Every structure is written in structure tokens, then in C-alpha cells.
All heavy atoms as atom14 arrays in JSON, in Angstrom:
{
  "sequence": "EAGNKSPSAVTKVLGAILNPADQLRNLFGRKPNNMRKLRKVK",
  "atom14_mask": [
    [1, 1, 1, 1, 1, 1, 1, 1, 1, 0, 0, 0, 0, 0],
    [1, 1, 1, 1, 1, 0, 0, 0, 0, 0, 0, 0, 0, 0],
    [1, 1, 1, 1, 0, 0, 0, 0, 0, 0, 0, 0, 0, 0],
    [1, 1, 1, 1, 1, 1, 1, 1, 0, 0, 0, 0, 0, 0],
    [1, 1, 1, 1, 1, 1, 1, 1, 1, 0, 0, 0, 0, 0],
    [1, 1, 1, 1, 1, 1, 0, 0, 0, 0, 0, 0, 0, 0],
    [1, 1, 1, 1, 1, 1, 1, 0, 0, 0, 0, 0, 0, 0],
    [1, 1, 1, 1, 1, 1, 0, 0, 0, 0, 0, 0, 0, 0],
    [1, 1, 1, 1, 1, 0, 0, 0, 0, 0, 0, 0, 0, 0],
    [1, 1, 1, 1, 1, 1, 1, 0, 0, 0, 0, 0, 0, 0],
    [1, 1, 1, 1, 1, 1, 1, 0, 0, 0, 0, 0, 0, 0],
    [1, 1, 1, 1, 1, 1, 1, 1, 1, 0, 0, 0, 0, 0],
    [1, 1, 1, 1, 1, 1, 1, 0, 0, 0, 0, 0, 0, 0],
    [1, 1, 1, 1, 1, 1, 1, 1, 0, 0, 0, 0, 0, 0],
    [1, 1, 1, 1, 0, 0, 0, 0, 0, 0, 0, 0, 0, 0],
    [1, 1, 1, 1, 1, 0, 0, 0, 0, 0, 0, 0, 0, 0],
    [1, 1, 1, 1, 1, 1, 1, 1, 0, 0, 0, 0, 0, 0],
    [1, 1, 1, 1, 1, 1, 1, 1, 0, 0, 0, 0, 0, 0],
    [1, 1, 1, 1, 1, 1, 1, 1, 0, 0, 0, 0, 0, 0],
    [1, 1, 1, 1, 1, 1, 1, 0, 0, 0, 0, 0, 0, 0],
    [1, 1, 1, 1, 1, 0, 0, 0, 0, 0, 0, 0, 0, 0],
    [1, 1, 1, 1, 1, 1, 1, 1, 0, 0, 0, 0, 0, 0],
    [1, 1, 1, 1, 1, 1, 1, 1, 1, 0, 0, 0, 0, 0],
    [1, 1, 1, 1, 1, 1, 1, 1, 0, 0, 0, 0, 0, 0],
    [1, 1, 1, 1, 1, 1, 1, 1, 1, 1, 1, 0, 0, 0],
    [1, 1, 1, 1, 1, 1, 1, 1, 0, 0, 0, 0, 0, 0],
    [1, 1, 1, 1, 1, 1, 1, 1, 0, 0, 0, 0, 0, 0],
    [1, 1, 1, 1, 1, 1, 1, 1, 1, 1, 1, 0, 0, 0],
    [1, 1, 1, 1, 0, 0, 0, 0, 0, 0, 0, 0, 0, 0],
    [1, 1, 1, 1, 1, 1, 1, 1, 1, 1, 1, 0, 0, 0],
    [1, 1, 1, 1, 1, 1, 1, 1, 1, 0, 0, 0, 0, 0],
    [1, 1, 1, 1, 1, 1, 1, 0, 0, 0, 0, 0, 0, 0],
    [1, 1, 1, 1, 1, 1, 1, 1, 0, 0, 0, 0, 0, 0],
    [1, 1, 1, 1, 1, 1, 1, 1, 0, 0, 0, 0, 0, 0],
    [1, 1, 1, 1, 1, 1, 1, 1, 0, 0, 0, 0, 0, 0],
    [1, 1, 1, 1, 1, 1, 1, 1, 1, 1, 1, 0, 0, 0],
    [1, 1, 1, 1, 1, 1, 1, 1, 1, 0, 0, 0, 0, 0],
    [1, 1, 1, 1, 1, 1, 1, 1, 0, 0, 0, 0, 0, 0],
    [1, 1, 1, 1, 1, 1, 1, 1, 1, 1, 1, 0, 0, 0],
    [1, 1, 1, 1, 1, 1, 1, 1, 1, 0, 0, 0, 0, 0],
    [1, 1, 1, 1, 1, 1, 1, 0, 0, 0, 0, 0, 0, 0],
    [1, 1, 1, 1, 1, 1, 1, 1, 1, 0, 0, 0, 0, 0]
  ],
  "atom14_positions": [
    [[-8.93, 8.45, -2.12], [-10.16, 7.81, -1.68], [-9.87, 6.88, -0.47], [-8.74, 6.29, -0.41], [-10.65, 6.89, -2.81], [-11.08, 7.71, -4.04], [-11.94, 6.87, -5.01], [-12.76, 6.13, -4.56], [-11.73, 7.0, -6.16], [0.0, 0.0, 0.0], [0.0, 0.0, 0.0], [0.0, 0.0, 0.0], [0.0, 0.0, 0.0], [0.0, 0.0, 0.0]],
    [[-10.75, 6.87, 0.48], [-10.41, 6.11, 1.67], [-11.72, 5.32, 2.14], [-11.82, 5.02, 3.35], [-10.08, 7.06, 2.78], [0.0, 0.0, 0.0], [0.0, 0.0, 0.0], [0.0, 0.0, 0.0], [0.0, 0.0, 0.0], [0.0, 0.0, 0.0], [0.0, 0.0, 0.0], [0.0, 0.0, 0.0], [0.0, 0.0, 0.0], [0.0, 0.0, 0.0]],
    [[-12.55, 4.96, 1.26], [-13.74, 4.18, 1.63], [-14.7, 4.91, 2.46], [-15.04, 6.11, 2.14], [0.0, 0.0, 0.0], [0.0, 0.0, 0.0], [0.0, 0.0, 0.0], [0.0, 0.0, 0.0], [0.0, 0.0, 0.0], [0.0, 0.0, 0.0], [0.0, 0.0, 0.0], [0.0, 0.0, 0.0], [0.0, 0.0, 0.0], [0.0, 0.0, 0.0]],
    [[-15.3, 4.21, 3.43], [-16.34, 4.85, 4.27], [-15.87, 5.96, 5.13], [-14.65, 6.08, 5.48], [-17.03, 3.75, 5.2], [-17.75, 2.73, 4.37], [-18.23, 3.01, 3.3], [-17.74, 1.51, 4.89], [0.0, 0.0, 0.0], [0.0, 0.0, 0.0], [0.0, 0.0, 0.0], [0.0, 0.0, 0.0], [0.0, 0.0, 0.0], [0.0, 0.0, 0.0]],
    [[-16.72, 6.94, 5.43], [-16.3, 8.04, 6.22], [-16.17, 7.62, 7.61], [-17.17, 7.12, 8.27], [-17.44, 9.12, 6.17], [-17.02, 10.46, 6.79], [-18.1, 11.56, 6.54], [-17.72, 12.85, 7.14], [-18.74, 13.87, 6.91], [0.0, 0.0, 0.0], [0.0, 0.0, 0.0], [0.0, 0.0, 0.0], [0.0, 0.0, 0.0], [0.0, 0.0, 0.0]],
    [[-14.95, 7.73, 8.2], [-14.7, 7.36, 9.57], [-13.35, 8.01, 10.05], [-12.65, 8.38, 9.17], [-14.65, 5.85, 9.7], [-13.46, 5.35, 8.96], [0.0, 0.0, 0.0], [0.0, 0.0, 0.0], [0.0, 0.0, 0.0], [0.0, 0.0, 0.0], [0.0, 0.0, 0.0], [0.0, 0.0, 0.0], [0.0, 0.0, 0.0], [0.0, 0.0, 0.0]],
    [[-13.15, 8.06, 11.31], [-11.87, 8.65, 11.76], [-10.66, 7.92, 11.27], [-9.61, 8.46, 10.92], [-11.95, 8.53, 13.28], [-13.39, 8.5, 13.56], [-14.03, 7.78, 12.44], [0.0, 0.0, 0.0], [0.0, 0.0, 0.0], [0.0, 0.0, 0.0], [0.0, 0.0, 0.0], [0.0, 0.0, 0.0], [0.0, 0.0, 0.0], [0.0, 0.0, 0.0]],
    [[-10.76, 6.52, 11.11], [-9.6, 5.76, 10.65], [-9.33, 6.1, 9.17], [-8.17, 5.84, 8.74], [-9.89, 4.28, 10.78], [-11.0, 3.91, 10.09], [0.0, 0.0, 0.0], [0.0, 0.0, 0.0], [0.0, 0.0, 0.0], [0.0, 0.0, 0.0], [0.0, 0.0, 0.0], [0.0, 0.0, 0.0], [0.0, 0.0, 0.0], [0.0, 0.0, 0.0]],
    [[-10.33, 6.56, 8.43], [-10.1, 6.83, 7.0], [-9.11, 7.98, 6.83], [-8.26, 7.93, 6.0], [-11.47, 7.2, 6.33], [0.0, 0.0, 0.0], [0.0, 0.0, 0.0], [0.0, 0.0, 0.0], [0.0, 0.0, 0.0], [0.0, 0.0, 0.0], [0.0, 0.0, 0.0], [0.0, 0.0, 0.0], [0.0, 0.0, 0.0], [0.0, 0.0, 0.0]],
    [[-9.23, 9.01, 7.68], [-8.33, 10.11, 7.62], [-6.94, 9.65, 7.91], [-5.92, 10.04, 7.28], [-8.78, 11.22, 8.64], [-7.74, 12.38, 8.58], [-10.23, 11.74, 8.27], [0.0, 0.0, 0.0], [0.0, 0.0, 0.0], [0.0, 0.0, 0.0], [0.0, 0.0, 0.0], [0.0, 0.0, 0.0], [0.0, 0.0, 0.0], [0.0, 0.0, 0.0]],
    [[-6.8, 8.87, 8.98], [-5.47, 8.24, 9.3], [-4.9, 7.46, 8.25], [-3.67, 7.58, 7.9], [-5.63, 7.33, 10.57], [-6.18, 8.09, 11.62], [-4.27, 6.89, 11.02], [0.0, 0.0, 0.0], [0.0, 0.0, 0.0], [0.0, 0.0, 0.0], [0.0, 0.0, 0.0], [0.0, 0.0, 0.0], [0.0, 0.0, 0.0], [0.0, 0.0, 0.0]],
    [[-5.66, 6.76, 7.53], [-5.25, 5.92, 6.29], [-4.68, 6.79, 5.28], [-3.63, 6.57, 4.68], [-6.36, 5.1, 5.86], [-6.05, 4.34, 4.57], [-7.28, 3.52, 4.15], [-7.04, 2.89, 2.77], [-8.23, 2.22, 2.26], [0.0, 0.0, 0.0], [0.0, 0.0, 0.0], [0.0, 0.0, 0.0], [0.0, 0.0, 0.0], [0.0, 0.0, 0.0]],
    [[-5.41, 7.89, 4.9], [-4.96, 8.84, 3.89], [-3.64, 9.49, 4.23], [-2.64, 9.53, 3.53], [-6.0, 9.94, 3.64], [-5.47, 10.95, 2.7], [-7.22, 9.21, 2.97], [0.0, 0.0, 0.0], [0.0, 0.0, 0.0], [0.0, 0.0, 0.0], [0.0, 0.0, 0.0], [0.0, 0.0, 0.0], [0.0, 0.0, 0.0], [0.0, 0.0, 0.0]],
    [[-3.55, 10.01, 5.53], [-2.35, 10.66, 5.97], [-1.2, 9.69, 5.99], [-0.01, 10.05, 5.73], [-2.59, 11.24, 7.4], [-3.54, 12.46, 7.43], [-3.81, 12.87, 8.92], [-3.05, 13.62, 6.67], [0.0, 0.0, 0.0], [0.0, 0.0, 0.0], [0.0, 0.0, 0.0], [0.0, 0.0, 0.0], [0.0, 0.0, 0.0], [0.0, 0.0, 0.0]],
    [[-1.43, 8.47, 6.37], [-0.33, 7.48, 6.42], [0.17, 7.21, 5.03], [1.4, 7.09, 4.77], [0.0, 0.0, 0.0], [0.0, 0.0, 0.0], [0.0, 0.0, 0.0], [0.0, 0.0, 0.0], [0.0, 0.0, 0.0], [0.0, 0.0, 0.0], [0.0, 0.0, 0.0], [0.0, 0.0, 0.0], [0.0, 0.0, 0.0], [0.0, 0.0, 0.0]],
    [[-0.78, 7.16, 3.99], [-0.26, 6.96, 2.63], [0.54, 8.1, 2.08], [1.44, 7.85, 1.27], [-1.55, 6.73, 1.79], [0.0, 0.0, 0.0], [0.0, 0.0, 0.0], [0.0, 0.0, 0.0], [0.0, 0.0, 0.0], [0.0, 0.0, 0.0], [0.0, 0.0, 0.0], [0.0, 0.0, 0.0], [0.0, 0.0, 0.0], [0.0, 0.0, 0.0]],
    [[0.26, 9.3, 2.56], [0.87, 10.51, 2.05], [2.29, 10.71, 2.83], [3.32, 10.93, 2.16], [0.03, 11.73, 2.12], [-1.2, 11.55, 1.36], [0.81, 12.98, 1.76], [-2.27, 12.6, 1.59], [0.0, 0.0, 0.0], [0.0, 0.0, 0.0], [0.0, 0.0, 0.0], [0.0, 0.0, 0.0], [0.0, 0.0, 0.0], [0.0, 0.0, 0.0]],
    [[2.18, 10.67, 4.15], [3.31, 10.98, 4.91], [4.35, 9.85, 5.0], [5.54, 10.19, 5.1], [2.86, 11.37, 6.34], [1.89, 12.54, 6.41], [1.52, 12.72, 7.88], [2.6, 13.81, 5.85], [0.0, 0.0, 0.0], [0.0, 0.0, 0.0], [0.0, 0.0, 0.0], [0.0, 0.0, 0.0], [0.0, 0.0, 0.0], [0.0, 0.0, 0.0]],
    [[3.96, 8.6, 4.95], [4.84, 7.52, 5.01], [4.56, 6.35, 4.05], [4.3, 5.28, 4.51], [4.97, 6.99, 6.5], [6.21, 6.23, 6.79], [7.13, 6.23, 5.99], [6.29, 5.61, 7.89], [0.0, 0.0, 0.0], [0.0, 0.0, 0.0], [0.0, 0.0, 0.0], [0.0, 0.0, 0.0], [0.0, 0.0, 0.0], [0.0, 0.0, 0.0]],
    [[4.49, 6.66, 2.78], [4.03, 5.68, 1.81], [5.04, 4.53, 1.66], [4.65, 3.39, 1.41], [3.93, 6.44, 0.52], [4.87, 7.56, 0.66], [4.88, 7.96, 2.11], [0.0, 0.0, 0.0], [0.0, 0.0, 0.0], [0.0, 0.0, 0.0], [0.0, 0.0, 0.0], [0.0, 0.0, 0.0], [0.0, 0.0, 0.0], [0.0, 0.0, 0.0]],
    [[6.31, 4.74, 1.82], [7.33, 3.72, 1.62], [7.13, 2.53, 2.62], [7.04, 1.39, 2.24], [8.73, 4.21, 1.78], [0.0, 0.0, 0.0], [0.0, 0.0, 0.0], [0.0, 0.0, 0.0], [0.0, 0.0, 0.0], [0.0, 0.0, 0.0], [0.0, 0.0, 0.0], [0.0, 0.0, 0.0], [0.0, 0.0, 0.0], [0.0, 0.0, 0.0]],
    [[6.9, 2.91, 3.94], [6.71, 1.88, 4.93], [5.4, 1.07, 4.65], [5.38, -0.1, 4.86], [6.7, 2.51, 6.3], [8.05, 2.95, 6.75], [9.01, 2.42, 6.21], [8.15, 3.78, 7.71], [0.0, 0.0, 0.0], [0.0, 0.0, 0.0], [0.0, 0.0, 0.0], [0.0, 0.0, 0.0], [0.0, 0.0, 0.0], [0.0, 0.0, 0.0]],
    [[4.38, 1.8, 4.28], [3.1, 1.14, 4.06], [3.15, 0.17, 2.88], [2.79, -0.94, 3.0], [2.02, 2.2, 3.74], [0.64, 1.59, 3.56], [-0.37, 2.56, 3.09], [-0.1, 3.34, 2.11], [-1.46, 2.68, 3.69], [0.0, 0.0, 0.0], [0.0, 0.0, 0.0], [0.0, 0.0, 0.0], [0.0, 0.0, 0.0], [0.0, 0.0, 0.0]],
    [[3.81, 0.59, 1.76], [3.9, -0.37, 0.61], [4.95, -1.47, 0.96], [4.77, -2.55, 0.34], [4.37, 0.46, -0.56], [3.37, 1.44, -1.13], [3.98, 2.26, -2.32], [2.07, 0.81, -1.53], [0.0, 0.0, 0.0], [0.0, 0.0, 0.0], [0.0, 0.0, 0.0], [0.0, 0.0, 0.0], [0.0, 0.0, 0.0], [0.0, 0.0, 0.0]],
    [[5.91, -1.18, 1.75], [6.85, -2.26, 2.03], [6.21, -3.38, 2.8], [6.52, -4.5, 2.64], [8.03, -1.68, 2.91], [9.15, -2.64, 3.07], [10.37, -2.04, 3.83], [10.91, -0.96, 3.04], [10.84, 0.39, 3.35], [9.98, 0.74, 4.34], [11.34, 1.25, 2.59], [0.0, 0.0, 0.0], [0.0, 0.0, 0.0], [0.0, 0.0, 0.0]],
    [[5.23, -3.05, 3.69], [4.45, -4.04, 4.38], [3.62, -4.85, 3.5], [3.44, -6.08, 3.64], [3.57, -3.42, 5.42], [4.44, -2.82, 6.56], [5.51, -3.27, 6.87], [3.81, -1.79, 7.2], [0.0, 0.0, 0.0], [0.0, 0.0, 0.0], [0.0, 0.0, 0.0], [0.0, 0.0, 0.0], [0.0, 0.0, 0.0], [0.0, 0.0, 0.0]],
    [[3.18, -4.24, 2.36], [2.3, -4.97, 1.45], [3.09, -5.82, 0.5], [2.82, -7.04, 0.35], [1.56, -4.01, 0.58], [0.42, -3.07, 1.3], [-0.02, -2.03, 0.45], [-0.68, -4.06, 1.73], [0.0, 0.0, 0.0], [0.0, 0.0, 0.0], [0.0, 0.0, 0.0], [0.0, 0.0, 0.0], [0.0, 0.0, 0.0], [0.0, 0.0, 0.0]],
    [[4.12, -5.3, -0.2], [4.85, -6.02, -1.21], [6.04, -6.8, -0.56], [6.55, -7.74, -1.25], [5.44, -5.09, -2.27], [4.38, -4.44, -3.11], [4.16, -3.08, -3.06], [3.49, -5.23, -3.92], [3.13, -2.47, -3.77], [2.54, -4.64, -4.61], [2.32, -3.25, -4.65], [0.0, 0.0, 0.0], [0.0, 0.0, 0.0], [0.0, 0.0, 0.0]],
    [[6.46, -6.53, 0.62], [7.54, -7.22, 1.24], [7.24, -8.73, 1.53], [8.15, -9.5, 1.76], [0.0, 0.0, 0.0], [0.0, 0.0, 0.0], [0.0, 0.0, 0.0], [0.0, 0.0, 0.0], [0.0, 0.0, 0.0], [0.0, 0.0, 0.0], [0.0, 0.0, 0.0], [0.0, 0.0, 0.0], [0.0, 0.0, 0.0], [0.0, 0.0, 0.0]],
    [[5.9, -8.98, 1.6], [5.53, -10.32, 1.98], [5.83, -11.31, 0.88], [6.23, -12.46, 1.19], [4.02, -10.38, 2.29], [3.54, -9.49, 3.35], [2.01, -9.53, 3.43], [1.44, -8.36, 4.05], [0.16, -8.06, 3.87], [-0.65, -8.73, 3.05], [-0.31, -6.95, 4.55], [0.0, 0.0, 0.0], [0.0, 0.0, 0.0], [0.0, 0.0, 0.0]],
    [[5.66, -10.88, -0.33], [5.83, -11.88, -1.5], [6.65, -11.17, -2.59], [6.11, -10.94, -3.67], [4.5, -12.29, -2.01], [3.67, -13.12, -0.94], [2.38, -13.58, -1.56], [1.6, -14.38, -0.41], [0.39, -15.02, -1.03], [0.0, 0.0, 0.0], [0.0, 0.0, 0.0], [0.0, 0.0, 0.0], [0.0, 0.0, 0.0], [0.0, 0.0, 0.0]],
    [[7.86, -10.92, -2.35], [8.7, -10.03, -3.42], [8.91, -10.96, -4.66], [8.9, -10.37, -5.74], [10.01, -9.9, -2.68], [10.13, -10.89, -1.62], [8.67, -11.17, -1.13], [0.0, 0.0, 0.0], [0.0, 0.0, 0.0], [0.0, 0.0, 0.0], [0.0, 0.0, 0.0], [0.0, 0.0, 0.0], [0.0, 0.0, 0.0], [0.0, 0.0, 0.0]],
    [[8.99, -12.25, -4.55], [9.27, -13.07, -5.76], [8.03, -13.04, -6.72], [8.13, -12.91, -7.82], [9.62, -14.52, -5.43], [10.94, -14.68, -4.72], [11.79, -13.82, -4.98], [11.04, -15.67, -3.85], [0.0, 0.0, 0.0], [0.0, 0.0, 0.0], [0.0, 0.0, 0.0], [0.0, 0.0, 0.0], [0.0, 0.0, 0.0], [0.0, 0.0, 0.0]],
    [[6.85, -13.04, -6.05], [5.66, -13.01, -6.82], [5.5, -11.64, -7.55], [4.96, -11.53, -8.64], [4.33, -13.33, -5.97], [4.46, -14.7, -5.45], [4.97, -15.6, -6.06], [3.87, -14.93, -4.26], [0.0, 0.0, 0.0], [0.0, 0.0, 0.0], [0.0, 0.0, 0.0], [0.0, 0.0, 0.0], [0.0, 0.0, 0.0], [0.0, 0.0, 0.0]],
    [[5.91, -10.6, -6.81], [5.77, -9.25, -7.47], [6.67, -9.09, -8.67], [6.4, -8.4, -9.56], [6.04, -8.25, -6.39], [5.02, -8.02, -5.31], [3.36, -7.56, -5.98], [2.55, -9.14, -6.09], [0.0, 0.0, 0.0], [0.0, 0.0, 0.0], [0.0, 0.0, 0.0], [0.0, 0.0, 0.0], [0.0, 0.0, 0.0], [0.0, 0.0, 0.0]],
    [[7.79, -9.83, -8.59], [8.73, -9.73, -9.72], [8.15, -10.32, -11.0], [8.7, -10.11, -12.11], [10.12, -10.35, -9.34], [10.96, -9.46, -8.49], [12.3, -9.94, -8.36], [12.47, -11.05, -7.49], [12.83, -10.92, -6.18], [13.01, -9.72, -5.68], [12.9, -11.96, -5.37], [0.0, 0.0, 0.0], [0.0, 0.0, 0.0], [0.0, 0.0, 0.0]],
    [[7.17, -11.16, -10.87], [6.52, -11.7, -11.99], [5.7, -10.68, -12.81], [5.36, -10.89, -13.95], [5.46, -12.8, -11.59], [6.13, -14.1, -11.16], [5.03, -15.06, -10.89], [5.64, -16.44, -10.48], [4.56, -17.45, -10.21], [0.0, 0.0, 0.0], [0.0, 0.0, 0.0], [0.0, 0.0, 0.0], [0.0, 0.0, 0.0], [0.0, 0.0, 0.0]],
    [[5.41, -9.54, -12.22], [4.56, -8.59, -12.83], [5.04, -8.13, -14.23], [4.34, -8.05, -15.2], [4.45, -7.29, -11.9], [3.46, -7.4, -10.72], [3.6, -6.24, -9.84], [2.04, -7.59, -11.2], [0.0, 0.0, 0.0], [0.0, 0.0, 0.0], [0.0, 0.0, 0.0], [0.0, 0.0, 0.0], [0.0, 0.0, 0.0], [0.0, 0.0, 0.0]],
    [[6.3, -7.83, -14.33], [6.86, -7.41, -15.61], [6.7, -8.48, -16.68], [6.46, -8.18, -17.8], [8.34, -6.96, -15.44], [8.45, -5.62, -14.71], [9.89, -5.18, -14.67], [10.02, -3.91, -14.09], [11.16, -3.25, -13.88], [12.33, -3.85, -14.37], [11.27, -2.05, -13.32], [0.0, 0.0, 0.0], [0.0, 0.0, 0.0], [0.0, 0.0, 0.0]],
    [[6.94, -9.74, -16.29], [6.86, -10.84, -17.27], [5.42, -11.06, -17.72], [5.18, -11.28, -18.87], [7.38, -12.09, -16.66], [8.92, -12.11, -16.33], [9.34, -13.44, -15.81], [9.37, -14.49, -16.86], [9.98, -15.79, -16.39], [0.0, 0.0, 0.0], [0.0, 0.0, 0.0], [0.0, 0.0, 0.0], [0.0, 0.0, 0.0], [0.0, 0.0, 0.0]],
    [[4.48, -10.85, -16.78], [3.14, -10.95, -17.08], [2.68, -9.9, -18.03], [1.96, -10.13, -19.08], [2.2, -10.9, -15.81], [0.76, -10.88, -16.17], [2.43, -12.2, -14.95], [0.0, 0.0, 0.0], [0.0, 0.0, 0.0], [0.0, 0.0, 0.0], [0.0, 0.0, 0.0], [0.0, 0.0, 0.0], [0.0, 0.0, 0.0], [0.0, 0.0, 0.0]],
    [[3.08, -8.63, -17.79], [2.67, -7.54, -18.59], [3.27, -7.5, -20.0], [2.78, -6.98, -20.92], [3.12, -6.21, -17.9], [2.28, -5.9, -16.68], [2.61, -4.58, -16.11], [2.13, -3.4, -17.05], [2.35, -2.13, -16.49], [0.0, 0.0, 0.0], [0.0, 0.0, 0.0], [0.0, 0.0, 0.0], [0.0, 0.0, 0.0], [0.0, 0.0, 0.0]]
  ]
}
């Protein structure tokens, strides 16, 4: 799923498939300590 139909949506999907590690690193790398709380919360 990529939200509204647009040229950037296709780029977003391809980016998630072809290079997911870099994309997720940008997301979770900002607050690694907070992400480590996930297991304790669950």
C-alpha cells in the first residue's frame, strides 16, 4: 500500500522493496533507546 495514486507512490514502494534496510534505519535510528522499550512494553 502506498496511499494516494501518484508517481512518488511507486518510488516509495520500490524503495521499500529494493532498499528496506536504509529506509528503516532512517526511521528507527533517530531514537534507538525508545525502540528498545518495545519488548518491555509488549
